[in-house]
Amino acid sequence: MTENGLRSWYLRYAAALNAHQFDGMEEFINDQVLLGGELGTRDDVVAVLKGIVDAVPDIHWEVEELLIDRDGIAVRAVNTGAPTKEWLGVPPSGASFEIVEYAIYKVSDGRFAQMTNLHDSAEMLRQLTA
């Protein structure tokens, strides 16, 4: 895939996340994928995403920076939402969060083969319990 092709493909992935359209993830994620260095499956990724949306129905991933180098993608996104159910051990209080997420991906045969995401969980918990 060209750099422009990868860019538009990734932005379609982000749009699918924000629309909570997880049934079409086979377009984006290999059947098996390295998740933070551990072997997992597309179903594992989808289960996590569905769990997040279940607890945080207004979750939004805003892509702020998107860098592409051959088959690698690096993203800086701002994640926002307000949990309506207990999430990460915190009962819902009406509090919302806004955190920065850094994600690094490797694409193989047009789908994610590796996915690594990093965000400040302590800051998110601080915002949700403040």
Protein backbone atom coordinates (compact mmCIF):
# COMPACT_ATOMS: atom_id res chain seq x y z
CA MET A 1 0.00 0.00 0.00
CA THR A 2 1.23 3.50 -0.75
CA GLU A 3 1.64 6.09 2.00
CA ASN A 4 -1.56 7.84 0.88
CA GLY A 5 -3.33 4.49 0.70
CA LEU A 6 -2.25 3.61 4.25
CA ARG A 7 -3.29 7.05 5.49
CA SER A 8 -6.80 6.81 4.06
CA TRP A 9 -7.08 3.16 5.18
CA TYR A 10 -6.11 4.10 8.76
CA LEU A 11 -8.54 7.02 8.81
CA ARG A 12 -11.31 4.60 7.71
CA TYR A 13 -10.30 2.39 10.66
CA ALA A 14 -10.52 5.37 13.04
CA ALA A 15 -13.91 6.30 11.60
CA ALA A 16 -15.13 2.72 12.14
CA LEU A 17 -13.95 2.88 15.76
CA ASN A 18 -15.77 6.14 16.36
CA ALA A 19 -18.94 4.80 14.70
CA HIS A 20 -18.62 1.64 16.86
CA GLN A 21 -18.71 -0.49 13.71
CA PHE A 22 -16.72 -3.47 14.88
CA ASP A 23 -18.26 -6.13 12.65
CA GLY A 24 -16.06 -5.11 9.70
CA MET A 25 -12.72 -5.33 11.49
CA GLU A 26 -11.49 -8.13 9.20
CA GLU A 27 -10.73 -5.31 6.73
CA PHE A 28 -8.24 -3.88 9.20
CA ILE A 29 -6.94 -6.58 11.57
CA ASN A 30 -5.31 -9.93 10.75
CA ASP A 31 -6.90 -13.05 12.19
CA GLN A 32 -3.86 -13.29 14.47
CA VAL A 33 -2.08 -10.17 15.64
CA LEU A 34 0.63 -9.20 18.11
CA LEU A 35 -0.99 -7.06 20.78
CA GLY A 36 1.66 -5.23 22.74
CA GLY A 37 4.03 -8.09 21.96
CA GLU A 38 1.60 -10.87 22.93
CA LEU A 39 -0.09 -13.11 20.38
CA GLY A 40 -3.81 -12.41 20.13
CA THR A 41 -6.64 -12.49 17.66
CA ARG A 42 -8.88 -10.03 15.90
CA ASP A 43 -11.70 -11.33 18.12
CA ASP A 44 -9.62 -10.32 21.17
CA VAL A 45 -9.27 -6.78 19.83
CA VAL A 46 -12.98 -6.55 19.01
CA ALA A 47 -13.94 -7.85 22.47
CA VAL A 48 -11.84 -5.14 24.12
CA LEU A 49 -13.32 -2.45 21.89
CA LYS A 50 -16.87 -3.63 22.55
CA GLY A 51 -16.14 -3.64 26.29
CA ILE A 52 -14.90 -0.06 26.14
CA VAL A 53 -17.97 1.10 24.20
CA ASP A 54 -20.27 -0.77 26.57
CA ALA A 55 -18.85 1.14 29.53
CA VAL A 56 -18.09 4.41 27.70
CA PRO A 57 -20.76 4.81 24.98
CA ASP A 58 -19.49 8.23 23.93
CA ILE A 59 -15.83 7.16 23.60
CA HIS A 60 -14.12 9.10 20.84
CA TRP A 61 -10.66 8.66 19.34
CA GLU A 62 -9.46 11.88 17.67
CA VAL A 63 -6.41 11.38 15.46
CA GLU A 64 -4.09 14.33 16.08
CA GLU A 65 -0.95 13.06 14.35
CA LEU A 66 -0.51 10.23 11.87
CA LEU A 67 2.93 9.22 10.65
CA ILE A 68 3.63 6.49 8.13
CA ASP A 69 6.96 4.81 7.37
CA ARG A 70 6.72 1.94 4.87
CA ASP A 71 4.57 -0.65 6.70
CA GLY A 72 4.61 1.21 10.03
CA ILE A 73 2.03 3.64 11.37
CA ALA A 74 2.43 5.87 14.44
CA VAL A 75 -0.54 7.75 15.84
CA ARG A 76 -1.09 10.33 18.54
CA ALA A 77 -4.77 10.47 19.39
CA VAL A 78 -6.84 12.17 22.05
CA ASN A 79 -9.36 9.86 23.69
CA THR A 80 -12.42 11.29 25.40
CA GLY A 81 -15.52 9.91 27.06
CA ALA A 82 -17.63 9.60 30.16
CA PRO A 83 -18.25 6.09 31.52
CA THR A 84 -21.87 5.19 32.23
CA LYS A 85 -20.98 1.85 33.85
CA GLU A 86 -18.22 0.75 36.18
CA TRP A 87 -15.01 0.81 34.17
CA LEU A 88 -11.46 0.04 35.24
CA GLY A 89 -12.77 -0.46 38.76
CA VAL A 90 -14.31 3.02 38.94
CA PRO A 91 -18.08 3.42 39.31
CA PRO A 92 -19.71 5.95 36.99
CA SER A 93 -19.92 9.43 38.49
CA GLY A 94 -20.63 11.61 35.48
CA ALA A 95 -16.92 12.45 35.28
CA SER A 96 -15.30 12.38 31.87
CA PHE A 97 -11.72 11.89 30.75
CA GLU A 98 -9.43 13.26 28.08
CA ILE A 99 -6.12 11.49 27.61
CA VAL A 100 -3.47 11.17 24.94
CA GLU A 101 -2.91 7.76 23.38
CA TYR A 102 0.13 6.75 21.38
CA ALA A 103 -0.30 3.81 19.04
CA ILE A 104 2.20 1.99 16.86
CA TYR A 105 1.11 -0.45 14.19
CA LYS A 106 2.75 -2.71 11.64
CA VAL A 107 0.74 -3.53 8.54
CA SER A 108 1.19 -6.75 6.58
CA ASP A 109 -0.86 -7.72 3.53
CA GLY A 110 -3.12 -4.72 4.06
CA ARG A 111 -4.06 -5.42 7.70
CA PHE A 112 -2.63 -4.82 11.15
CA ALA A 113 -0.13 -7.52 12.11
CA GLN A 114 1.07 -5.69 15.23
CA MET A 115 -0.83 -3.25 17.45
CA THR A 116 0.66 -1.45 20.44
CA ASN A 117 -1.20 1.25 22.35
CA LEU A 118 0.03 3.33 25.25
CA HIS A 119 -1.88 5.82 27.37
CA ASP A 120 -1.64 7.25 30.85
CA SER A 121 -4.05 5.05 32.82
CA ALA A 122 -3.19 6.79 36.07
CA GLU A 123 -4.20 10.16 34.59
CA MET A 124 -7.43 8.71 33.27
CA LEU A 125 -8.26 7.24 36.68
CA ARG A 126 -7.38 10.56 38.33
CA GLN A 127 -9.84 12.36 36.07
CA LEU A 128 -12.58 9.79 36.66
CA THR A 129 -12.21 9.89 40.44
CA ALA A 130 -11.61 13.64 40.92
